[in-house]
Amino acid sequence: MDMVASPYMVSWLSQVSKEMVPSWLELLLATQFFTTCANHPLATRNECNLFCTECEELPPAFCNYCRSCDHSTHHVIQIRRSSYHDVVRISEIEDILDISDVQTYIINSARVVFLNERPKIRSSGFSIPKAPSSSGHSCEMCGRGLLDAFRFCSLGCNLKSIKMDNMPAMVENDPYCSKNDDVTSNNDVGSITKLATMMRMEKNHHPKRLLVTDAREYLTGHHSSNIKLMGDS
């Protein structure tokens, strides 16, 4: 049976990040850093490890030379590497982003947070979440063991949780669910509510299981051929 998502649901999901987290956060988490700057290919120290939280222009990652030319008065943060994973110093983002639920680490005498989830890679190439640590704390989204009593291992997992937390409210406020009873019964729009419940159960009872990174994928049909927008054939 096809799962139908109304335009309201898709639009609502698009607004979640804008209202609850800074608009630049998703761009930051999706950006590839430490590439060679296309504008300064022959310059020394031309790696793209900087990100502007104000203009959000493309390309989002840029080098120090680009910063001097185009972002001299903007709030720019520097991305660093730890064990091949991107991190950012708390001192650079704590005033513009709530990171109170994210595990912090001390690297090179500076306290940092990881940008994205760090899956453990098996020899087969498949990723699996890391087992919980001896501390008894683990990430609510991916199950990675945490050192302290935080909820998430990274900014990315924190963002996923925000989106999942707001799915039930999205369904309850959807005018399509209340005004189109015939459409609801024929196409099972109520299954969206089941989807939200299922994702909540996955999050609470199976924290080690890999979850879809973005709930919007369910509603737009990008993840499953059995989910489509209302009005699609």
C-alpha atoms as a PDB file:
ATOM      1  CA  MET A   1       0.000   0.000   0.000  1.00  0.00           C
ATOM      2  CA  ASP A   2       1.327   3.402  -0.955  1.00  0.00           C
ATOM      3  CA  MET A   3       2.089   5.903   1.773  1.00  0.00           C
ATOM      4  CA  VAL A   4       0.873   9.389   0.827  1.00  0.00           C
ATOM      5  CA  ALA A   5       2.448  12.649   1.961  1.00  0.00           C
ATOM      6  CA  SER A   6       0.520  15.857   1.480  1.00  0.00           C
ATOM      7  CA  PRO A   7       2.171  19.079   0.288  1.00  0.00           C
ATOM      8  CA  TYR A   8       1.596  20.433   3.789  1.00  0.00           C
ATOM      9  CA  MET A   9       3.750  17.696   5.319  1.00  0.00           C
ATOM     10  CA  VAL A  10       6.608  18.264   2.916  1.00  0.00           C
ATOM     11  CA  SER A  11       6.455  22.024   3.415  1.00  0.00           C
ATOM     12  CA  TRP A  12       6.235  21.598   7.174  1.00  0.00           C
ATOM     13  CA  LEU A  13       9.330  19.419   7.290  1.00  0.00           C
ATOM     14  CA  SER A  14      11.201  21.999   5.260  1.00  0.00           C
ATOM     15  CA  GLN A  15      10.388  24.603   7.894  1.00  0.00           C
ATOM     16  CA  VAL A  16      11.489  22.548  10.894  1.00  0.00           C
ATOM     17  CA  SER A  17      15.166  23.250  10.498  1.00  0.00           C
ATOM     18  CA  LYS A  18      14.587  26.920   9.725  1.00  0.00           C
ATOM     19  CA  GLU A  19      12.591  27.468  12.906  1.00  0.00           C
ATOM     20  CA  MET A  20      14.450  25.257  15.376  1.00  0.00           C
ATOM     21  CA  VAL A  21      18.042  25.320  14.140  1.00  0.00           C
ATOM     22  CA  PRO A  22      20.118  27.856  12.209  1.00  0.00           C
ATOM     23  CA  SER A  23      19.613  27.758   8.463  1.00  0.00           C
ATOM     24  CA  TRP A  24      23.322  27.183   7.883  1.00  0.00           C
ATOM     25  CA  LEU A  25      23.566  24.001   9.959  1.00  0.00           C
ATOM     26  CA  GLU A  26      22.390  21.514   7.347  1.00  0.00           C
ATOM     27  CA  LEU A  27      24.700  23.080   4.781  1.00  0.00           C
ATOM     28  CA  LEU A  28      27.601  22.770   7.213  1.00  0.00           C
ATOM     29  CA  LEU A  29      26.903  19.091   7.865  1.00  0.00           C
ATOM     30  CA  ALA A  30      26.667  18.295   4.146  1.00  0.00           C
ATOM     31  CA  THR A  31      29.819  20.168   3.126  1.00  0.00           C
ATOM     32  CA  GLN A  32      33.026  18.377   2.174  1.00  0.00           C
ATOM     33  CA  PHE A  33      36.023  20.095   3.708  1.00  0.00           C
ATOM     34  CA  PHE A  34      39.802  19.858   3.188  1.00  0.00           C
ATOM     35  CA  THR A  35      39.662  19.973  -0.581  1.00  0.00           C
ATOM     36  CA  THR A  36      42.005  22.180  -2.617  1.00  0.00           C
ATOM     37  CA  CYS A  37      40.654  25.678  -3.211  1.00  0.00           C
ATOM     38  CA  ALA A  38      39.705  26.140  -6.866  1.00  0.00           C
ATOM     39  CA  ASN A  39      40.357  29.889  -6.628  1.00  0.00           C
ATOM     40  CA  HIS A  40      43.879  29.493  -5.257  1.00  0.00           C
ATOM     41  CA  PRO A  41      45.224  26.179  -6.623  1.00  0.00           C
ATOM     42  CA  LEU A  42      48.886  27.209  -6.531  1.00  0.00           C
ATOM     43  CA  ALA A  43      48.896  28.908  -3.145  1.00  0.00           C
ATOM     44  CA  THR A  44      50.321  27.286  -0.044  1.00  0.00           C
ATOM     45  CA  ARG A  45      47.920  26.212   2.706  1.00  0.00           C
ATOM     46  CA  ASN A  46      45.006  26.436   0.301  1.00  0.00           C
ATOM     47  CA  GLU A  47      42.824  23.733   1.842  1.00  0.00           C
ATOM     48  CA  CYS A  48      39.159  24.563   2.226  1.00  0.00           C
ATOM     49  CA  ASN A  49      38.551  24.238   5.955  1.00  0.00           C
ATOM     50  CA  LEU A  50      36.531  27.394   6.643  1.00  0.00           C
ATOM     51  CA  PHE A  51      32.761  27.929   6.672  1.00  0.00           C
ATOM     52  CA  CYS A  52      30.721  31.139   6.836  1.00  0.00           C
ATOM     53  CA  THR A  53      27.595  31.078   8.995  1.00  0.00           C
ATOM     54  CA  GLU A  54      26.250  34.329   7.576  1.00  0.00           C
ATOM     55  CA  CYS A  55      26.223  34.395   3.791  1.00  0.00           C
ATOM     56  CA  GLU A  56      25.871  30.660   2.979  1.00  0.00           C
ATOM     57  CA  GLU A  57      27.277  31.242  -0.496  1.00  0.00           C
ATOM     58  CA  LEU A  58      28.600  28.441  -2.681  1.00  0.00           C
ATOM     59  CA  PRO A  59      31.010  26.833  -2.461  1.00  0.00           C
ATOM     60  CA  PRO A  60      30.397  26.649   1.307  1.00  0.00           C
ATOM     61  CA  ALA A  61      33.955  25.526   2.125  1.00  0.00           C
ATOM     62  CA  PHE A  62      36.729  27.972   1.365  1.00  0.00           C
ATOM     63  CA  CYS A  63      40.368  28.690   2.193  1.00  0.00           C
ATOM     64  CA  ASN A  64      41.987  31.463   4.213  1.00  0.00           C
ATOM     65  CA  TYR A  65      42.699  33.516   1.087  1.00  0.00           C
ATOM     66  CA  CYS A  66      39.006  33.492   0.174  1.00  0.00           C
ATOM     67  CA  ARG A  67      38.176  34.546   3.699  1.00  0.00           C
ATOM     68  CA  SER A  68      40.314  37.655   3.382  1.00  0.00           C
ATOM     69  CA  CYS A  69      38.639  38.572   0.094  1.00  0.00           C
ATOM     70  CA  ASP A  70      34.988  37.690   0.657  1.00  0.00           C
ATOM     71  CA  HIS A  71      34.320  37.018   4.355  1.00  0.00           C
ATOM     72  CA  SER A  72      36.500  39.453   6.270  1.00  0.00           C
ATOM     73  CA  THR A  73      33.580  40.836   8.293  1.00  0.00           C
ATOM     74  CA  HIS A  74      31.557  37.606   8.581  1.00  0.00           C
ATOM     75  CA  HIS A  75      31.364  35.015  11.324  1.00  0.00           C
ATOM     76  CA  VAL A  76      33.602  32.248  10.011  1.00  0.00           C
ATOM     77  CA  ILE A  77      34.301  28.950  11.755  1.00  0.00           C
ATOM     78  CA  GLN A  78      37.250  26.664  11.125  1.00  0.00           C
ATOM     79  CA  ILE A  79      36.738  22.940  10.655  1.00  0.00           C
ATOM     80  CA  ARG A  80      39.431  20.625  11.972  1.00  0.00           C
ATOM     81  CA  ARG A  81      40.120  16.905  11.641  1.00  0.00           C
ATOM     82  CA  SER A  82      40.301  14.202  14.270  1.00  0.00           C
ATOM     83  CA  SER A  83      40.836  10.614  13.127  1.00  0.00           C
ATOM     84  CA  TYR A  84      39.634  11.548   9.627  1.00  0.00           C
ATOM     85  CA  HIS A  85      36.410  13.080  10.938  1.00  0.00           C
ATOM     86  CA  ASP A  86      35.428  16.753  10.954  1.00  0.00           C
ATOM     87  CA  VAL A  87      35.189  18.636  14.239  1.00  0.00           C
ATOM     88  CA  VAL A  88      34.641  22.233  15.275  1.00  0.00           C
ATOM     89  CA  ARG A  89      35.779  23.989  18.420  1.00  0.00           C
ATOM     90  CA  ILE A  90      33.055  24.795  20.912  1.00  0.00           C
ATOM     91  CA  SER A  91      34.421  28.297  21.364  1.00  0.00           C
ATOM     92  CA  GLU A  92      33.571  29.043  17.725  1.00  0.00           C
ATOM     93  CA  ILE A  93      29.919  27.945  17.740  1.00  0.00           C
ATOM     94  CA  GLU A  94      28.618  27.989  21.318  1.00  0.00           C
ATOM     95  CA  ASP A  95      27.280  31.528  20.899  1.00  0.00           C
ATOM     96  CA  ILE A  96      25.350  30.737  17.711  1.00  0.00           C
ATOM     97  CA  LEU A  97      24.212  27.124  18.240  1.00  0.00           C
ATOM     98  CA  ASP A  98      22.772  25.149  21.138  1.00  0.00           C
ATOM     99  CA  ILE A  99      25.149  22.222  21.658  1.00  0.00           C
ATOM    100  CA  SER A 100      24.155  21.390  25.225  1.00  0.00           C
ATOM    101  CA  ASP A 101      23.038  17.849  24.276  1.00  0.00           C
ATOM    102  CA  VAL A 102      26.102  16.951  22.195  1.00  0.00           C
ATOM    103  CA  GLN A 103      29.088  15.036  23.558  1.00  0.00           C
ATOM    104  CA  THR A 104      32.247  17.157  23.727  1.00  0.00           C
ATOM    105  CA  TYR A 105      35.836  15.999  23.435  1.00  0.00           C
ATOM    106  CA  ILE A 106      39.195  17.588  24.177  1.00  0.00           C
ATOM    107  CA  ILE A 107      41.525  17.472  21.176  1.00  0.00           C
ATOM    108  CA  ASN A 108      44.808  19.368  21.126  1.00  0.00           C
ATOM    109  CA  SER A 109      43.839  21.144  24.350  1.00  0.00           C
ATOM    110  CA  ALA A 110      40.618  22.467  22.805  1.00  0.00           C
ATOM    111  CA  ARG A 111      37.077  21.254  23.455  1.00  0.00           C
ATOM    112  CA  VAL A 112      35.321  20.200  20.243  1.00  0.00           C
ATOM    113  CA  VAL A 113      32.210  18.475  18.903  1.00  0.00           C
ATOM    114  CA  PHE A 114      31.969  16.206  15.873  1.00  0.00           C
ATOM    115  CA  LEU A 115      29.933  17.404  12.925  1.00  0.00           C
ATOM    116  CA  ASN A 116      28.482  14.060  11.856  1.00  0.00           C
ATOM    117  CA  GLU A 117      27.968  10.504  13.028  1.00  0.00           C
ATOM    118  CA  ARG A 118      31.073   8.321  12.962  1.00  0.00           C
ATOM    119  CA  PRO A 119      30.005   4.783  12.009  1.00  0.00           C
ATOM    120  CA  LYS A 120      32.307   1.879  12.685  1.00  0.00           C
ATOM    121  CA  ILE A 121      33.388   0.294   9.395  1.00  0.00           C
ATOM    122  CA  ARG A 122      33.508  -3.484   9.039  1.00  0.00           C
ATOM    123  CA  SER A 123      35.955  -5.153   6.687  1.00  0.00           C
ATOM    124  CA  SER A 124      33.028  -5.876   4.365  1.00  0.00           C
ATOM    125  CA  GLY A 125      32.555  -2.165   3.888  1.00  0.00           C
ATOM    126  CA  PHE A 126      29.203  -1.913   5.688  1.00  0.00           C
ATOM    127  CA  SER A 127      28.848   0.595   8.496  1.00  0.00           C
ATOM    128  CA  ILE A 128      27.544  -0.381  11.906  1.00  0.00           C
ATOM    129  CA  PRO A 129      27.046   1.751  15.002  1.00  0.00           C
ATOM    130  CA  LYS A 130      29.686   1.471  17.685  1.00  0.00           C
ATOM    131  CA  ALA A 131      28.735  -0.438  20.812  1.00  0.00           C
ATOM    132  CA  PRO A 132      27.869   1.602  23.908  1.00  0.00           C
ATOM    133  CA  SER A 133      30.792   2.568  26.115  1.00  0.00           C
ATOM    134  CA  SER A 134      31.433   1.356  29.641  1.00  0.00           C
ATOM    135  CA  SER A 135      30.017   4.651  30.916  1.00  0.00           C
ATOM    136  CA  GLY A 136      26.522   3.425  30.112  1.00  0.00           C
ATOM    137  CA  HIS A 137      25.742   6.447  27.960  1.00  0.00           C
ATOM    138  CA  SER A 138      25.058   6.238  24.243  1.00  0.00           C
ATOM    139  CA  CYS A 139      23.829   8.415  21.399  1.00  0.00           C
ATOM    140  CA  GLU A 140      20.043   8.346  21.128  1.00  0.00           C
ATOM    141  CA  MET A 141      20.210   8.243  17.334  1.00  0.00           C
ATOM    142  CA  CYS A 142      23.090   5.988  16.260  1.00  0.00           C
ATOM    143  CA  GLY A 143      23.917   4.135  19.498  1.00  0.00           C
ATOM    144  CA  ARG A 144      27.566   5.211  19.636  1.00  0.00           C
ATOM    145  CA  GLY A 145      28.955   5.017  23.158  1.00  0.00           C
ATOM    146  CA  LEU A 146      29.449   8.371  24.871  1.00  0.00           C
ATOM    147  CA  LEU A 147      31.901   9.394  27.544  1.00  0.00           C
ATOM    148  CA  ASP A 148      29.478  11.517  29.528  1.00  0.00           C
ATOM    149  CA  ALA A 149      25.756  12.015  30.085  1.00  0.00           C
ATOM    150  CA  PHE A 150      24.993  13.671  26.759  1.00  0.00           C
ATOM    151  CA  ARG A 151      22.241  12.695  24.325  1.00  0.00           C
ATOM    152  CA  PHE A 152      24.040  12.780  20.989  1.00  0.00           C
ATOM    153  CA  CYS A 153      27.454  12.008  19.555  1.00  0.00           C
ATOM    154  CA  SER A 154      27.432  14.770  16.954  1.00  0.00           C
ATOM    155  CA  LEU A 155      25.627  17.796  15.580  1.00  0.00           C
ATOM    156  CA  GLY A 156      24.228  15.609  12.820  1.00  0.00           C
ATOM    157  CA  CYS A 157      22.551  13.169  15.199  1.00  0.00           C
ATOM    158  CA  ASN A 158      21.153  16.085  17.183  1.00  0.00           C
ATOM    159  CA  LEU A 159      19.573  17.498  14.030  1.00  0.00           C
ATOM    160  CA  LYS A 160      18.048  14.136  13.085  1.00  0.00           C
ATOM    161  CA  SER A 161      16.422  13.924  16.507  1.00  0.00           C
ATOM    162  CA  ILE A 162      14.918  17.402  16.171  1.00  0.00           C
ATOM    163  CA  LYS A 163      13.257  16.412  12.905  1.00  0.00           C
ATOM    164  CA  MET A 164      11.922  13.130  14.284  1.00  0.00           C
ATOM    165  CA  ASP A 165      10.602  14.812  17.426  1.00  0.00           C
ATOM    166  CA  ASN A 166       8.472  17.130  15.315  1.00  0.00           C
ATOM    167  CA  MET A 167       6.902  14.532  12.989  1.00  0.00           C
ATOM    168  CA  PRO A 168       3.881  13.762  15.249  1.00  0.00           C
ATOM    169  CA  ALA A 169       2.980  17.462  15.480  1.00  0.00           C
ATOM    170  CA  MET A 170       3.287  17.717  11.716  1.00  0.00           C
ATOM    171  CA  VAL A 171       0.720  14.957  11.204  1.00  0.00           C
ATOM    172  CA  GLU A 172      -1.710  16.314  13.796  1.00  0.00           C
ATOM    173  CA  ASN A 173      -1.736  19.753  12.169  1.00  0.00           C
ATOM    174  CA  ASP A 174      -1.961  18.528   8.582  1.00  0.00           C
ATOM    175  CA  PRO A 175      -5.213  19.876   7.060  1.00  0.00           C
ATOM    176  CA  TYR A 176      -5.195  17.036   4.529  1.00  0.00           C
ATOM    177  CA  CYS A 177      -5.658  14.502   7.317  1.00  0.00           C
ATOM    178  CA  SER A 178      -8.705  16.338   8.720  1.00  0.00           C
ATOM    179  CA  LYS A 179     -10.381  17.621   5.545  1.00  0.00           C
ATOM    180  CA  ASN A 180      -9.930  14.725   3.151  1.00  0.00           C
ATOM    181  CA  ASP A 181     -11.387  11.761   4.959  1.00  0.00           C
ATOM    182  CA  ASP A 182     -12.127   9.957   1.730  1.00  0.00           C
ATOM    183  CA  VAL A 183      -8.584  10.426   0.499  1.00  0.00           C
ATOM    184  CA  THR A 184      -7.288   9.366   3.867  1.00  0.00           C
ATOM    185  CA  SER A 185      -9.217   6.113   3.841  1.00  0.00           C
ATOM    186  CA  ASN A 186      -8.330   5.265   0.253  1.00  0.00           C
ATOM    187  CA  ASN A 187      -4.657   6.132   0.382  1.00  0.00           C
ATOM    188  CA  ASP A 188      -3.951   5.537   4.045  1.00  0.00           C
ATOM    189  CA  VAL A 189      -2.604   8.953   4.922  1.00  0.00           C
ATOM    190  CA  GLY A 190      -2.907   7.727   8.482  1.00  0.00           C
ATOM    191  CA  SER A 191       0.097   5.555   7.752  1.00  0.00           C
ATOM    192  CA  ILE A 192       2.183   8.726   8.062  1.00  0.00           C
ATOM    193  CA  THR A 193       1.206   8.731  11.722  1.00  0.00           C
ATOM    194  CA  LYS A 194       2.268   5.114  11.902  1.00  0.00           C
ATOM    195  CA  LEU A 195       5.541   6.102  10.295  1.00  0.00           C
ATOM    196  CA  ALA A 196       6.178   8.717  12.951  1.00  0.00           C
ATOM    197  CA  THR A 197       5.341   6.209  15.667  1.00  0.00           C
ATOM    198  CA  MET A 198       7.576   3.589  14.072  1.00  0.00           C
ATOM    199  CA  MET A 199      10.506   5.996  13.874  1.00  0.00           C
ATOM    200  CA  ARG A 200       9.951   6.950  17.511  1.00  0.00           C
ATOM    201  CA  MET A 201       9.974   3.280  18.530  1.00  0.00           C
ATOM    202  CA  GLU A 202      13.126   2.690  16.512  1.00  0.00           C
ATOM    203  CA  LYS A 203      14.791   5.605  18.226  1.00  0.00           C
ATOM    204  CA  ASN A 204      13.733   4.576  21.764  1.00  0.00           C
ATOM    205  CA  HIS A 205      14.008   0.808  21.628  1.00  0.00           C
ATOM    206  CA  HIS A 206      16.601   0.133  18.925  1.00  0.00           C
ATOM    207  CA  PRO A 207      19.199   2.916  19.202  1.00  0.00           C
ATOM    208  CA  LYS A 208      21.835   0.764  17.498  1.00  0.00           C
ATOM    209  CA  ARG A 209      19.806   0.260  14.347  1.00  0.00           C
ATOM    210  CA  LEU A 210      20.717   2.460  11.404  1.00  0.00           C
ATOM    211  CA  LEU A 211      18.034   5.064  10.777  1.00  0.00           C
ATOM    212  CA  VAL A 212      17.179   7.129   7.730  1.00  0.00           C
ATOM    213  CA  THR A 213      19.206  10.328   7.957  1.00  0.00           C
ATOM    214  CA  ASP A 214      16.409  12.661   6.954  1.00  0.00           C
ATOM    215  CA  ALA A 215      12.701  12.138   7.571  1.00  0.00           C
ATOM    216  CA  ARG A 216      11.971  14.246   4.518  1.00  0.00           C
ATOM    217  CA  GLU A 217      13.189  11.338   2.384  1.00  0.00           C
ATOM    218  CA  TYR A 218      10.198   9.301   3.561  1.00  0.00           C
ATOM    219  CA  LEU A 219       7.737  11.977   2.560  1.00  0.00           C
ATOM    220  CA  THR A 220       9.132  12.960  -0.824  1.00  0.00           C
ATOM    221  CA  GLY A 221       9.596   9.424  -2.102  1.00  0.00           C
ATOM    222  CA  HIS A 222      13.352   9.762  -2.502  1.00  0.00           C
ATOM    223  CA  HIS A 223      13.974   6.870  -0.138  1.00  0.00           C
ATOM    224  CA  SER A 224      11.137   4.493  -0.958  1.00  0.00           C
ATOM    225  CA  SER A 225       9.159   3.899  -4.109  1.00  0.00           C
ATOM    226  CA  ASN A 226       6.122   3.134  -1.903  1.00  0.00           C
ATOM    227  CA  ILE A 227       5.877   6.684  -0.617  1.00  0.00           C
ATOM    228  CA  LYS A 228       4.587   9.440  -2.855  1.00  0.00           C
ATOM    229  CA  LEU A 229       3.190  12.945  -2.777  1.00  0.00           C
ATOM    230  CA  MET A 230      -0.552  13.445  -2.738  1.00  0.00           C
ATOM    231  CA  GLY A 231      -1.732  13.913  -6.303  1.00  0.00           C
ATOM    232  CA  ASP A 232       1.006  11.805  -7.848  1.00  0.00           C
ATOM    233  CA  SER A 233      -0.125   8.987 -10.102  1.00  0.00           C
END
